[in-house]
């Protein structure tokens, strides 16, 4: 306990992206406290009575436990819905990696759909993803992406509907979030590379 007692006061700014995880832990503890209080006052729950010296005995009888409930929340997650006002993009996408790639890698980069698996031939479960935000926030997000050339129109025939990507945010600081592209469905159609590529300096 010495480190805990002697540590300075710290808040969300010092914790950075870990702050939401700590907050979610506090929510879980509150729910557990509420459940424990209900169990303590329940006549159907078996508790040891107080011991002769006044101390509280073990909460549960010895032996094998039994699952009696489940929390509705998803604890210890840094995921959060997208808030467009907390996102900041610098400049427009302009970096061209092709000169730094070998021919095969450059071909995949420039024509990714031609080198991916046929969606109709895929068999297996596909993760459910979505743009995690309200409709109003989604329109703000699309406007923000469009303003810095990060959004474009595509032909419907080029869209692999069951393998689209989702979006969510994680906390970056007190005022900014980091936008995360969830491409798990699309990655299912990618063919892994088995080559070793050497770079000559």
N, C-alpha and C. Protein backbone atom coordinates (compact mmCIF):
# COMPACT_ATOMS: atom_id res chain seq x y z
N UNK A 1 0.81 -1.21 0.00
CA UNK A 1 0.00 0.00 0.00
C UNK A 1 0.85 1.27 0.00
N UNK A 2 2.16 1.14 0.28
CA UNK A 2 3.00 2.34 0.38
C UNK A 2 2.97 3.16 -0.91
N UNK A 3 3.09 2.48 -2.05
CA UNK A 3 3.08 3.20 -3.34
C UNK A 3 1.74 3.89 -3.56
N UNK A 4 0.66 3.21 -3.18
CA UNK A 4 -0.68 3.79 -3.37
C UNK A 4 -0.85 5.04 -2.52
N UNK A 5 -0.44 4.97 -1.25
CA UNK A 5 -0.61 6.09 -0.33
C UNK A 5 0.28 7.27 -0.70
N UNK A 6 1.49 6.97 -1.16
CA UNK A 6 2.46 8.04 -1.43
C UNK A 6 2.34 8.63 -2.83
N UNK A 7 1.52 8.04 -3.71
CA UNK A 7 1.43 8.53 -5.08
C UNK A 7 0.67 9.85 -5.14
N UNK A 8 1.01 10.67 -6.13
CA UNK A 8 0.32 11.95 -6.32
C UNK A 8 -1.07 11.71 -6.89
N UNK A 9 -1.90 12.74 -6.81
CA UNK A 9 -3.24 12.67 -7.40
C UNK A 9 -3.10 12.70 -8.92
N UNK A 10 -3.77 11.81 -9.62
CA UNK A 10 -3.73 11.81 -11.08
C UNK A 10 -5.14 11.61 -11.61
N UNK A 11 -5.39 12.18 -12.78
CA UNK A 11 -6.72 12.15 -13.38
C UNK A 11 -6.69 11.61 -14.79
N UNK A 12 -7.76 11.83 -15.55
CA UNK A 12 -7.86 11.29 -16.92
C UNK A 12 -6.73 11.76 -17.83
N UNK A 13 -6.28 13.01 -17.66
CA UNK A 13 -5.22 13.52 -18.54
C UNK A 13 -3.93 12.73 -18.37
N UNK A 14 -3.60 12.36 -17.13
CA UNK A 14 -2.38 11.59 -16.90
C UNK A 14 -2.55 10.14 -17.36
N UNK A 15 -3.76 9.62 -17.27
CA UNK A 15 -3.99 8.22 -17.66
C UNK A 15 -4.12 8.04 -19.17
N UNK A 16 -4.44 9.12 -19.89
CA UNK A 16 -4.56 9.02 -21.35
C UNK A 16 -5.65 8.07 -21.77
N UNK A 17 -5.32 7.18 -22.72
CA UNK A 17 -6.34 6.29 -23.28
C UNK A 17 -6.77 5.19 -22.29
N UNK A 18 -6.03 5.05 -21.19
CA UNK A 18 -6.41 4.06 -20.19
C UNK A 18 -7.58 4.55 -19.34
N UNK A 19 -7.85 5.87 -19.36
CA UNK A 19 -8.88 6.46 -18.52
C UNK A 19 -10.25 5.79 -18.70
N UNK A 20 -10.74 5.58 -19.94
CA UNK A 20 -12.05 4.93 -20.10
C UNK A 20 -12.08 3.52 -19.51
N UNK A 21 -10.94 2.81 -19.57
CA UNK A 21 -10.88 1.46 -19.01
C UNK A 21 -11.05 1.53 -17.50
N UNK A 22 -10.39 2.52 -16.86
CA UNK A 22 -10.52 2.68 -15.41
C UNK A 22 -11.95 3.05 -15.06
N UNK A 23 -12.56 3.93 -15.86
CA UNK A 23 -13.94 4.33 -15.60
C UNK A 23 -14.88 3.13 -15.73
N UNK A 24 -14.63 2.28 -16.72
CA UNK A 24 -15.48 1.10 -16.88
C UNK A 24 -15.29 0.13 -15.72
N UNK A 25 -14.08 0.07 -15.16
CA UNK A 25 -13.84 -0.77 -13.98
C UNK A 25 -14.64 -0.25 -12.79
N UNK A 26 -14.71 1.07 -12.66
CA UNK A 26 -15.50 1.66 -11.57
C UNK A 26 -16.99 1.31 -11.73
N UNK A 27 -17.47 1.33 -12.97
CA UNK A 27 -18.88 0.97 -13.21
C UNK A 27 -19.13 -0.49 -12.83
N UNK A 28 -18.18 -1.37 -13.16
CA UNK A 28 -18.33 -2.79 -12.82
C UNK A 28 -18.34 -2.97 -11.30
N UNK A 29 -17.45 -2.27 -10.62
CA UNK A 29 -17.40 -2.37 -9.16
C UNK A 29 -18.70 -1.89 -8.52
N UNK A 30 -19.28 -0.83 -9.08
CA UNK A 30 -20.55 -0.34 -8.56
C UNK A 30 -21.66 -1.37 -8.74
N UNK A 31 -21.66 -2.02 -9.91
CA UNK A 31 -22.67 -3.05 -10.15
C UNK A 31 -22.48 -4.24 -9.20
N UNK A 32 -21.21 -4.63 -9.00
CA UNK A 32 -20.93 -5.74 -8.09
C UNK A 32 -21.32 -5.38 -6.66
N UNK A 33 -21.08 -4.12 -6.27
CA UNK A 33 -21.45 -3.68 -4.93
C UNK A 33 -22.96 -3.75 -4.74
N UNK A 34 -23.70 -3.33 -5.76
CA UNK A 34 -25.15 -3.38 -5.69
C UNK A 34 -25.65 -4.82 -5.57
N UNK A 35 -25.05 -5.72 -6.36
CA UNK A 35 -25.44 -7.13 -6.31
C UNK A 35 -25.10 -7.73 -4.95
N UNK A 36 -23.90 -7.39 -4.44
CA UNK A 36 -23.48 -7.91 -3.13
C UNK A 36 -24.43 -7.44 -2.03
N UNK A 37 -24.90 -6.19 -2.12
CA UNK A 37 -25.82 -5.67 -1.12
C UNK A 37 -27.14 -6.44 -1.16
N UNK A 38 -27.62 -6.75 -2.38
CA UNK A 38 -28.85 -7.51 -2.50
C UNK A 38 -28.69 -8.92 -1.92
N UNK A 39 -27.52 -9.53 -2.20
CA UNK A 39 -27.27 -10.86 -1.67
C UNK A 39 -27.16 -10.85 -0.15
N UNK A 40 -26.57 -9.79 0.38
CA UNK A 40 -26.37 -9.69 1.84
C UNK A 40 -27.71 -9.64 2.57
N UNK A 41 -28.70 -9.00 1.92
CA UNK A 41 -30.02 -8.87 2.57
C UNK A 41 -30.97 -9.98 2.16
N UNK A 42 -30.51 -10.87 1.31
CA UNK A 42 -31.38 -11.96 0.83
C UNK A 42 -31.37 -13.11 1.84
N UNK A 43 -32.54 -13.62 2.15
CA UNK A 43 -32.64 -14.73 3.10
C UNK A 43 -32.28 -16.05 2.45
N UNK A 44 -32.28 -16.07 1.09
CA UNK A 44 -31.99 -17.32 0.39
C UNK A 44 -30.50 -17.53 0.18
N UNK A 45 -29.69 -16.50 0.48
CA UNK A 45 -28.25 -16.61 0.27
C UNK A 45 -27.58 -17.11 1.55
N UNK A 46 -26.71 -18.10 1.43
CA UNK A 46 -26.08 -18.70 2.60
C UNK A 46 -24.79 -17.94 2.95
N UNK A 47 -24.79 -17.29 4.09
CA UNK A 47 -23.62 -16.57 4.58
C UNK A 47 -23.21 -17.17 5.92
N UNK A 48 -21.94 -17.07 6.20
CA UNK A 48 -21.50 -17.38 7.55
C UNK A 48 -21.86 -16.20 8.45
N UNK A 49 -22.33 -16.41 9.63
CA UNK A 49 -22.59 -15.30 10.55
C UNK A 49 -21.29 -14.71 11.03
N UNK A 50 -21.39 -13.61 11.73
CA UNK A 50 -20.20 -12.99 12.29
C UNK A 50 -19.55 -13.95 13.27
N UNK A 51 -18.24 -13.93 13.31
CA UNK A 51 -17.49 -14.79 14.22
C UNK A 51 -17.56 -14.24 15.64
N UNK A 52 -17.06 -15.01 16.59
CA UNK A 52 -17.15 -14.64 17.99
C UNK A 52 -16.41 -13.35 18.32
N UNK A 53 -15.40 -12.99 17.46
CA UNK A 53 -14.65 -11.76 17.72
C UNK A 53 -15.23 -10.56 16.98
N UNK A 54 -16.42 -10.74 16.37
CA UNK A 54 -17.09 -9.62 15.72
C UNK A 54 -16.74 -9.41 14.26
N UNK A 55 -15.80 -10.20 13.72
CA UNK A 55 -15.41 -10.05 12.32
C UNK A 55 -16.36 -10.82 11.42
N UNK A 56 -16.52 -10.28 10.21
CA UNK A 56 -17.42 -10.94 9.24
C UNK A 56 -16.76 -12.20 8.70
N UNK A 57 -17.49 -13.29 8.68
CA UNK A 57 -16.95 -14.53 8.17
C UNK A 57 -16.97 -14.58 6.66
N UNK A 58 -16.53 -15.69 6.06
CA UNK A 58 -16.52 -15.83 4.59
C UNK A 58 -17.92 -15.62 4.01
N UNK A 59 -18.00 -15.03 2.83
CA UNK A 59 -19.29 -14.73 2.23
C UNK A 59 -19.99 -15.98 1.72
N UNK A 60 -19.23 -16.89 1.13
CA UNK A 60 -19.86 -18.08 0.52
C UNK A 60 -19.40 -19.34 1.22
N UNK A 61 -20.26 -20.32 1.23
CA UNK A 61 -19.88 -21.61 1.78
C UNK A 61 -18.75 -22.21 0.96
N UNK A 62 -17.91 -23.00 1.59
CA UNK A 62 -16.84 -23.66 0.87
C UNK A 62 -17.43 -24.66 -0.12
N UNK A 63 -16.71 -24.87 -1.18
CA UNK A 63 -17.19 -25.82 -2.17
C UNK A 63 -17.24 -25.17 -3.54
N UNK A 64 -17.83 -25.85 -4.47
CA UNK A 64 -17.87 -25.40 -5.85
C UNK A 64 -18.87 -24.26 -6.02
N UNK A 65 -18.45 -23.22 -6.77
CA UNK A 65 -19.32 -22.08 -6.99
C UNK A 65 -20.33 -22.34 -8.09
N UNK A 66 -21.25 -21.42 -8.23
CA UNK A 66 -22.29 -21.54 -9.24
C UNK A 66 -22.56 -20.17 -9.84
N UNK A 67 -22.59 -20.08 -11.18
CA UNK A 67 -22.87 -18.82 -11.85
C UNK A 67 -24.34 -18.48 -11.66
N UNK A 68 -24.61 -17.32 -11.09
CA UNK A 68 -26.00 -16.95 -10.80
C UNK A 68 -26.44 -15.69 -11.55
N UNK A 69 -25.54 -15.10 -12.34
CA UNK A 69 -25.91 -13.89 -13.07
C UNK A 69 -24.80 -13.46 -14.00
N UNK A 70 -25.08 -12.43 -14.77
CA UNK A 70 -24.12 -11.92 -15.75
C UNK A 70 -24.33 -10.43 -15.90
N UNK A 71 -23.22 -9.66 -15.94
CA UNK A 71 -23.31 -8.22 -16.12
C UNK A 71 -23.71 -7.91 -17.56
N UNK A 72 -24.55 -6.91 -17.74
CA UNK A 72 -25.00 -6.53 -19.08
C UNK A 72 -23.94 -5.76 -19.84
N UNK A 73 -23.06 -5.06 -19.12
CA UNK A 73 -22.07 -4.21 -19.78
C UNK A 73 -20.88 -5.03 -20.24
N UNK A 74 -20.06 -4.41 -21.09
CA UNK A 74 -18.82 -5.03 -21.56
C UNK A 74 -17.67 -4.33 -20.84
N UNK A 75 -17.16 -4.91 -19.75
CA UNK A 75 -16.18 -4.19 -18.93
C UNK A 75 -14.80 -4.12 -19.55
N UNK A 76 -14.01 -3.16 -19.04
CA UNK A 76 -12.60 -3.04 -19.38
C UNK A 76 -12.36 -2.83 -20.88
N UNK A 77 -13.22 -2.05 -21.52
CA UNK A 77 -13.07 -1.77 -22.94
C UNK A 77 -12.71 -0.31 -23.16
N UNK A 78 -11.80 -0.06 -24.09
CA UNK A 78 -11.44 1.32 -24.43
C UNK A 78 -12.26 1.82 -25.62
N UNK A 79 -13.14 0.98 -26.15
CA UNK A 79 -13.99 1.35 -27.28
C UNK A 79 -14.99 2.42 -26.85
N UNK A 80 -15.27 3.38 -27.75
CA UNK A 80 -16.31 4.37 -27.52
C UNK A 80 -16.93 4.76 -28.85
N UNK A 81 -18.18 5.23 -28.85
CA UNK A 81 -18.81 5.69 -30.09
C UNK A 81 -18.06 6.89 -30.68
N UNK A 82 -18.19 7.05 -31.98
CA UNK A 82 -17.51 8.13 -32.68
C UNK A 82 -18.17 9.47 -32.37
N UNK A 83 -17.36 10.46 -32.01
CA UNK A 83 -17.80 11.85 -31.87
C UNK A 83 -16.94 12.69 -32.81
N UNK A 84 -17.55 13.18 -33.88
CA UNK A 84 -16.80 13.88 -34.92
C UNK A 84 -16.03 15.08 -34.39
N UNK A 85 -16.59 15.78 -33.41
CA UNK A 85 -15.93 16.97 -32.87
C UNK A 85 -14.64 16.64 -32.13
N UNK A 86 -14.44 15.38 -31.77
CA UNK A 86 -13.24 14.98 -31.05
C UNK A 86 -12.18 14.37 -31.98
N UNK A 87 -12.42 14.47 -33.29
CA UNK A 87 -11.47 13.95 -34.28
C UNK A 87 -10.77 15.10 -34.99
N UNK A 88 -9.50 14.89 -35.32
CA UNK A 88 -8.74 15.91 -36.03
C UNK A 88 -7.85 15.25 -37.05
N UNK A 89 -7.99 15.68 -38.32
CA UNK A 89 -7.17 15.15 -39.39
C UNK A 89 -6.27 16.26 -39.93
N UNK A 90 -5.02 15.93 -40.16
CA UNK A 90 -4.05 16.92 -40.64
C UNK A 90 -3.82 16.72 -42.13
N UNK A 91 -4.02 17.78 -42.92
CA UNK A 91 -3.77 17.71 -44.35
C UNK A 91 -4.70 16.76 -45.06
N UNK A 92 -4.26 16.31 -46.24
CA UNK A 92 -5.02 15.34 -47.04
C UNK A 92 -4.12 14.16 -47.34
N UNK A 93 -4.68 12.98 -47.59
CA UNK A 93 -3.84 11.80 -47.91
C UNK A 93 -3.05 12.04 -49.19
N UNK A 94 -1.73 11.98 -49.10
CA UNK A 94 -0.91 12.28 -50.28
C UNK A 94 0.30 11.36 -50.42
N UNK A 95 0.60 10.56 -49.40
CA UNK A 95 1.80 9.71 -49.47
C UNK A 95 1.58 8.57 -50.45
N UNK A 96 2.54 8.37 -51.33
CA UNK A 96 2.49 7.30 -52.32
C UNK A 96 3.58 6.27 -52.00
N UNK A 97 3.21 5.10 -51.50
CA UNK A 97 4.22 4.11 -51.12
C UNK A 97 4.75 3.27 -52.28
N UNK A 98 4.14 3.39 -53.48
CA UNK A 98 4.48 2.51 -54.59
C UNK A 98 5.98 2.49 -54.91
N UNK A 99 6.68 3.64 -54.93
CA UNK A 99 8.11 3.60 -55.24
C UNK A 99 8.93 2.76 -54.25
N UNK A 100 8.38 2.50 -53.08
CA UNK A 100 9.11 1.76 -52.07
C UNK A 100 8.72 0.27 -52.04
N UNK A 101 7.82 -0.15 -52.94
CA UNK A 101 7.33 -1.52 -52.96
C UNK A 101 7.89 -2.29 -54.15
N UNK A 102 8.06 -3.60 -53.99
CA UNK A 102 8.40 -4.43 -55.15
C UNK A 102 7.17 -4.53 -56.03
N UNK A 103 7.32 -5.06 -57.23
CA UNK A 103 6.23 -5.04 -58.21
C UNK A 103 4.98 -5.76 -57.70
N UNK A 104 5.16 -6.94 -57.11
CA UNK A 104 3.99 -7.70 -56.66
C UNK A 104 3.24 -6.96 -55.56
N UNK A 105 3.97 -6.39 -54.62
CA UNK A 105 3.32 -5.64 -53.54
C UNK A 105 2.65 -4.38 -54.08
N UNK A 106 3.27 -3.73 -55.07
CA UNK A 106 2.69 -2.54 -55.68
C UNK A 106 1.39 -2.88 -56.40
N UNK A 107 1.36 -4.02 -57.09
CA UNK A 107 0.15 -4.44 -57.80
C UNK A 107 -0.99 -4.67 -56.81
N UNK A 108 -0.70 -5.30 -55.67
CA UNK A 108 -1.73 -5.54 -54.65
C UNK A 108 -2.22 -4.23 -54.07
N UNK A 109 -1.29 -3.29 -53.84
CA UNK A 109 -1.66 -2.00 -53.27
C UNK A 109 -2.57 -1.21 -54.22
N UNK A 110 -2.26 -1.24 -55.51
CA UNK A 110 -3.00 -0.45 -56.49
C UNK A 110 -4.31 -1.11 -56.91
N UNK A 111 -4.39 -2.44 -56.86
CA UNK A 111 -5.60 -3.15 -57.26
C UNK A 111 -5.95 -4.23 -56.23
N UNK A 112 -6.31 -3.81 -55.02
CA UNK A 112 -6.50 -4.80 -53.94
C UNK A 112 -7.62 -5.80 -54.20
N UNK A 113 -8.71 -5.37 -54.84
CA UNK A 113 -9.84 -6.28 -55.04
C UNK A 113 -9.50 -7.40 -56.02
N UNK A 114 -8.58 -7.13 -56.94
CA UNK A 114 -8.21 -8.16 -57.91
C UNK A 114 -7.40 -9.29 -57.28
N UNK A 115 -6.80 -9.00 -56.14
CA UNK A 115 -5.93 -10.00 -55.51
C UNK A 115 -6.58 -10.61 -54.26
N UNK A 116 -7.82 -10.25 -53.97
CA UNK A 116 -8.49 -10.82 -52.80
C UNK A 116 -9.35 -12.01 -53.21
N UNK A 117 -9.80 -12.76 -52.24
CA UNK A 117 -10.63 -13.93 -52.51
C UNK A 117 -12.02 -13.50 -52.97
N UNK A 118 -12.68 -14.38 -53.70
CA UNK A 118 -14.04 -14.11 -54.16
C UNK A 118 -14.99 -14.19 -52.96
N UNK A 119 -15.72 -13.11 -52.66
CA UNK A 119 -16.63 -13.13 -51.50
C UNK A 119 -17.65 -14.26 -51.56
N UNK A 120 -18.11 -14.62 -52.78
CA UNK A 120 -19.12 -15.68 -52.90
C UNK A 120 -18.56 -17.06 -52.54
N UNK A 121 -17.25 -17.20 -52.59
CA UNK A 121 -16.66 -18.51 -52.29
C UNK A 121 -16.27 -18.64 -50.82
N UNK A 122 -16.45 -17.57 -50.05
CA UNK A 122 -16.07 -17.62 -48.64
C UNK A 122 -17.13 -18.36 -47.83
N UNK A 123 -16.68 -19.27 -46.98
CA UNK A 123 -17.59 -19.96 -46.07
C UNK A 123 -17.05 -19.82 -44.65
N UNK A 124 -17.88 -19.40 -43.77
CA UNK A 124 -17.46 -19.18 -42.39
C UNK A 124 -18.21 -18.00 -41.79
N UNK A 125 -17.98 -17.77 -40.52
CA UNK A 125 -18.66 -16.67 -39.84
C UNK A 125 -17.97 -15.34 -40.13
N UNK A 126 -18.75 -14.29 -40.28
CA UNK A 126 -18.23 -12.95 -40.57
C UNK A 126 -18.53 -12.06 -39.37
N UNK A 127 -17.52 -11.42 -38.79
CA UNK A 127 -17.77 -10.54 -37.65
C UNK A 127 -18.73 -9.41 -38.00
N UNK A 128 -19.60 -9.06 -37.06
CA UNK A 128 -20.51 -7.94 -37.27
C UNK A 128 -19.80 -6.65 -36.89
N UNK A 129 -19.74 -5.70 -37.82
CA UNK A 129 -19.13 -4.40 -37.57
C UNK A 129 -20.08 -3.31 -38.04
N UNK A 130 -19.90 -2.11 -37.54
CA UNK A 130 -20.73 -0.99 -37.95
C UNK A 130 -20.02 0.31 -37.61
N UNK A 131 -20.54 1.42 -38.11
CA UNK A 131 -20.06 2.74 -37.70
C UNK A 131 -20.75 3.05 -36.38
N UNK A 132 -20.01 3.00 -35.29
CA UNK A 132 -20.60 3.11 -33.96
C UNK A 132 -20.85 4.57 -33.59
N UNK A 133 -22.01 5.07 -33.95
CA UNK A 133 -22.43 6.42 -33.56
C UNK A 133 -23.88 6.62 -34.01
N UNK A 134 -24.45 7.73 -33.57
CA UNK A 134 -25.82 8.06 -33.97
C UNK A 134 -25.83 8.54 -35.42
N UNK A 135 -27.01 8.66 -35.99
CA UNK A 135 -27.13 9.13 -37.38
C UNK A 135 -26.58 10.55 -37.52
N UNK A 136 -26.88 11.42 -36.56
CA UNK A 136 -26.38 12.80 -36.62
C UNK A 136 -24.86 12.83 -36.58
N UNK A 137 -24.27 12.03 -35.69
CA UNK A 137 -22.81 11.99 -35.59
C UNK A 137 -22.20 11.39 -36.86
N UNK A 138 -22.92 10.45 -37.46
CA UNK A 138 -22.43 9.83 -38.69
C UNK A 138 -22.35 10.86 -39.81
N UNK A 139 -23.35 11.73 -39.91
CA UNK A 139 -23.34 12.77 -40.94
C UNK A 139 -22.21 13.77 -40.69
N UNK A 140 -21.99 14.11 -39.41
CA UNK A 140 -20.86 14.99 -39.07
C UNK A 140 -19.53 14.34 -39.44
N UNK A 141 -19.42 13.04 -39.16
CA UNK A 141 -18.20 12.31 -39.48
C UNK A 141 -17.95 12.28 -40.98
N UNK A 142 -18.99 11.97 -41.76
CA UNK A 142 -18.82 11.93 -43.21
C UNK A 142 -18.46 13.30 -43.77
N UNK A 143 -19.04 14.35 -43.22
CA UNK A 143 -18.70 15.71 -43.67
C UNK A 143 -17.24 16.02 -43.35
N UNK A 144 -16.79 15.59 -42.17
CA UNK A 144 -15.40 15.82 -41.79
C UNK A 144 -14.44 15.06 -42.70
N UNK A 145 -14.75 13.80 -42.98
CA UNK A 145 -13.90 13.01 -43.87
C UNK A 145 -13.90 13.56 -45.29
N UNK A 146 -15.04 14.05 -45.74
CA UNK A 146 -15.15 14.61 -47.08
C UNK A 146 -14.35 15.91 -47.22
N UNK A 147 -14.29 16.69 -46.14
CA UNK A 147 -13.60 17.99 -46.19
C UNK A 147 -12.09 17.85 -46.35
N UNK A 148 -11.54 16.66 -46.04
CA UNK A 148 -10.09 16.47 -46.17
C UNK A 148 -9.78 15.32 -47.14
N UNK A 149 -10.66 15.12 -48.10
CA UNK A 149 -10.45 14.13 -49.17
C UNK A 149 -10.24 12.71 -48.66
N UNK A 150 -10.94 12.35 -47.57
CA UNK A 150 -10.85 11.00 -47.04
C UNK A 150 -12.15 10.22 -47.26
N UNK A 151 -13.01 10.74 -48.11
CA UNK A 151 -14.28 10.09 -48.40
C UNK A 151 -14.55 10.21 -49.89
N UNK A 152 -15.07 9.16 -50.50
CA UNK A 152 -15.34 9.20 -51.93
C UNK A 152 -16.50 8.29 -52.29
N UNK A 153 -17.09 8.52 -53.45
CA UNK A 153 -18.17 7.68 -53.95
C UNK A 153 -17.61 6.48 -54.70
N UNK A 154 -18.26 5.33 -54.50
CA UNK A 154 -17.82 4.11 -55.16
C UNK A 154 -18.99 3.49 -55.90
N UNK A 155 -18.69 2.73 -56.95
CA UNK A 155 -19.74 2.01 -57.65
C UNK A 155 -20.28 0.90 -56.77
N UNK A 156 -21.58 0.69 -56.85
CA UNK A 156 -22.20 -0.34 -56.02
C UNK A 156 -21.62 -1.72 -56.32
N UNK A 157 -21.21 -1.94 -57.56
CA UNK A 157 -20.66 -3.24 -57.95
C UNK A 157 -19.31 -3.50 -57.29
N UNK A 158 -18.64 -2.43 -56.82
CA UNK A 158 -17.34 -2.59 -56.17
C UNK A 158 -17.46 -2.77 -54.66
N UNK A 159 -18.68 -2.68 -54.14
CA UNK A 159 -18.87 -2.79 -52.69
C UNK A 159 -19.16 -4.23 -52.31
N UNK A 160 -18.35 -4.78 -51.42
CA UNK A 160 -18.59 -6.13 -50.91
C UNK A 160 -19.40 -5.99 -49.62
N UNK A 161 -20.72 -6.00 -49.76
CA UNK A 161 -21.62 -5.59 -48.69
C UNK A 161 -21.41 -6.37 -47.39
N UNK A 162 -21.22 -7.65 -47.49
CA UNK A 162 -21.06 -8.46 -46.27
C UNK A 162 -19.67 -8.34 -45.66
N UNK A 163 -18.77 -7.65 -46.36
CA UNK A 163 -17.38 -7.56 -45.90
C UNK A 163 -16.93 -6.11 -45.73
N UNK A 164 -17.89 -5.22 -45.49
CA UNK A 164 -17.56 -3.81 -45.27
C UNK A 164 -16.90 -3.65 -43.90
N UNK A 165 -16.25 -2.52 -43.70
CA UNK A 165 -15.55 -2.24 -42.44
C UNK A 165 -16.40 -1.34 -41.55
N UNK A 166 -16.08 -1.35 -40.28
CA UNK A 166 -16.76 -0.49 -39.32
C UNK A 166 -15.82 0.57 -38.77
N UNK A 167 -16.35 1.46 -37.97
CA UNK A 167 -15.57 2.52 -37.35
C UNK A 167 -15.96 2.67 -35.88
N UNK A 168 -14.96 2.92 -35.04
CA UNK A 168 -15.22 3.29 -33.66
C UNK A 168 -14.06 4.15 -33.18
N UNK A 169 -14.15 4.66 -31.98
CA UNK A 169 -13.12 5.55 -31.46
C UNK A 169 -12.51 5.00 -30.18
N UNK A 170 -11.30 5.43 -29.90
CA UNK A 170 -10.68 5.24 -28.59
C UNK A 170 -10.15 6.60 -28.14
N UNK A 171 -10.09 6.78 -26.84
CA UNK A 171 -9.66 8.07 -26.31
C UNK A 171 -8.17 8.28 -26.57
N UNK A 172 -7.81 9.46 -27.07
CA UNK A 172 -6.42 9.82 -27.28
C UNK A 172 -5.95 10.80 -26.21
N UNK A 173 -6.82 11.74 -25.84
CA UNK A 173 -6.53 12.72 -24.79
C UNK A 173 -7.86 13.22 -24.25
N UNK A 174 -7.82 14.24 -23.39
CA UNK A 174 -9.05 14.78 -22.83
C UNK A 174 -9.95 15.39 -23.90
N UNK A 175 -9.35 15.90 -24.99
CA UNK A 175 -10.12 16.61 -26.01
C UNK A 175 -10.20 15.88 -27.35
N UNK A 176 -9.35 14.87 -27.56
CA UNK A 176 -9.29 14.22 -28.87
C UNK A 176 -9.44 12.70 -28.75
N UNK A 177 -10.02 12.11 -29.81
CA UNK A 177 -10.14 10.66 -29.93
C UNK A 177 -9.34 10.20 -31.14
N UNK A 178 -9.06 8.91 -31.18
CA UNK A 178 -8.42 8.30 -32.34
C UNK A 178 -9.47 7.44 -33.05
N UNK A 179 -9.61 7.64 -34.36
CA UNK A 179 -10.59 6.89 -35.15
C UNK A 179 -9.99 5.54 -35.56
N UNK A 180 -10.72 4.46 -35.29
CA UNK A 180 -10.23 3.11 -35.57
C UNK A 180 -11.09 2.47 -36.66
N UNK A 181 -10.43 1.97 -37.70
CA UNK A 181 -11.11 1.25 -38.78
C UNK A 181 -11.13 -0.23 -38.45
N UNK A 182 -12.32 -0.79 -38.30
CA UNK A 182 -12.48 -2.20 -37.97
C UNK A 182 -12.66 -2.99 -39.25
N UNK A 183 -11.58 -3.55 -39.77
CA UNK A 183 -11.60 -4.23 -41.08
C UNK A 183 -11.57 -5.74 -40.97
N UNK A 184 -12.04 -6.27 -39.86
CA UNK A 184 -12.01 -7.73 -39.70
C UNK A 184 -12.74 -8.48 -40.81
N UNK A 185 -13.94 -8.02 -41.25
CA UNK A 185 -14.61 -8.76 -42.34
C UNK A 185 -13.79 -8.74 -43.64
N UNK A 186 -13.29 -7.56 -44.02
CA UNK A 186 -12.51 -7.45 -45.26
C UNK A 186 -11.23 -8.27 -45.19
N UNK A 187 -10.63 -8.34 -44.00
CA UNK A 187 -9.38 -9.09 -43.86
C UNK A 187 -9.56 -10.59 -44.09
N UNK A 188 -10.81 -11.07 -43.95
CA UNK A 188 -11.06 -12.49 -44.19
C UNK A 188 -10.81 -12.86 -45.65
N UNK A 189 -10.88 -11.88 -46.53
CA UNK A 189 -10.71 -12.15 -47.97
C UNK A 189 -9.28 -11.89 -48.45
N UNK A 190 -8.43 -11.48 -47.54
CA UNK A 190 -7.04 -11.21 -47.92
C UNK A 190 -6.23 -12.50 -47.93
N UNK A 191 -5.38 -12.64 -48.93
CA UNK A 191 -4.50 -13.80 -49.02
C UNK A 191 -3.15 -13.44 -48.40
N UNK A 192 -2.76 -14.19 -47.43
CA UNK A 192 -1.52 -13.88 -46.73
C UNK A 192 -0.28 -14.04 -47.60
N UNK A 193 0.70 -13.19 -47.36
CA UNK A 193 1.98 -13.27 -48.07
C UNK A 193 2.91 -14.22 -47.34
N UNK A 194 3.63 -15.04 -48.10
CA UNK A 194 4.59 -15.97 -47.52
C UNK A 194 6.02 -15.63 -47.96
N UNK A 195 6.20 -14.43 -48.48
CA UNK A 195 7.52 -14.06 -49.00
C UNK A 195 8.31 -13.27 -47.97
N UNK A 196 9.62 -13.40 -48.03
CA UNK A 196 10.52 -12.53 -47.29
C UNK A 196 11.01 -11.45 -48.23
N UNK A 197 10.89 -10.19 -47.81
CA UNK A 197 11.31 -9.09 -48.67
C UNK A 197 12.47 -8.36 -48.01
N UNK A 198 13.58 -8.28 -48.72
CA UNK A 198 14.76 -7.61 -48.19
C UNK A 198 14.85 -6.18 -48.71
N UNK A 199 15.34 -5.27 -47.89
CA UNK A 199 15.51 -3.88 -48.28
C UNK A 199 16.98 -3.55 -48.36
N UNK A 200 17.43 -3.11 -49.53
CA UNK A 200 18.84 -2.75 -49.73
C UNK A 200 19.02 -1.27 -49.43
N UNK A 201 19.87 -0.97 -48.48
CA UNK A 201 20.12 0.43 -48.10
C UNK A 201 21.42 0.93 -48.74
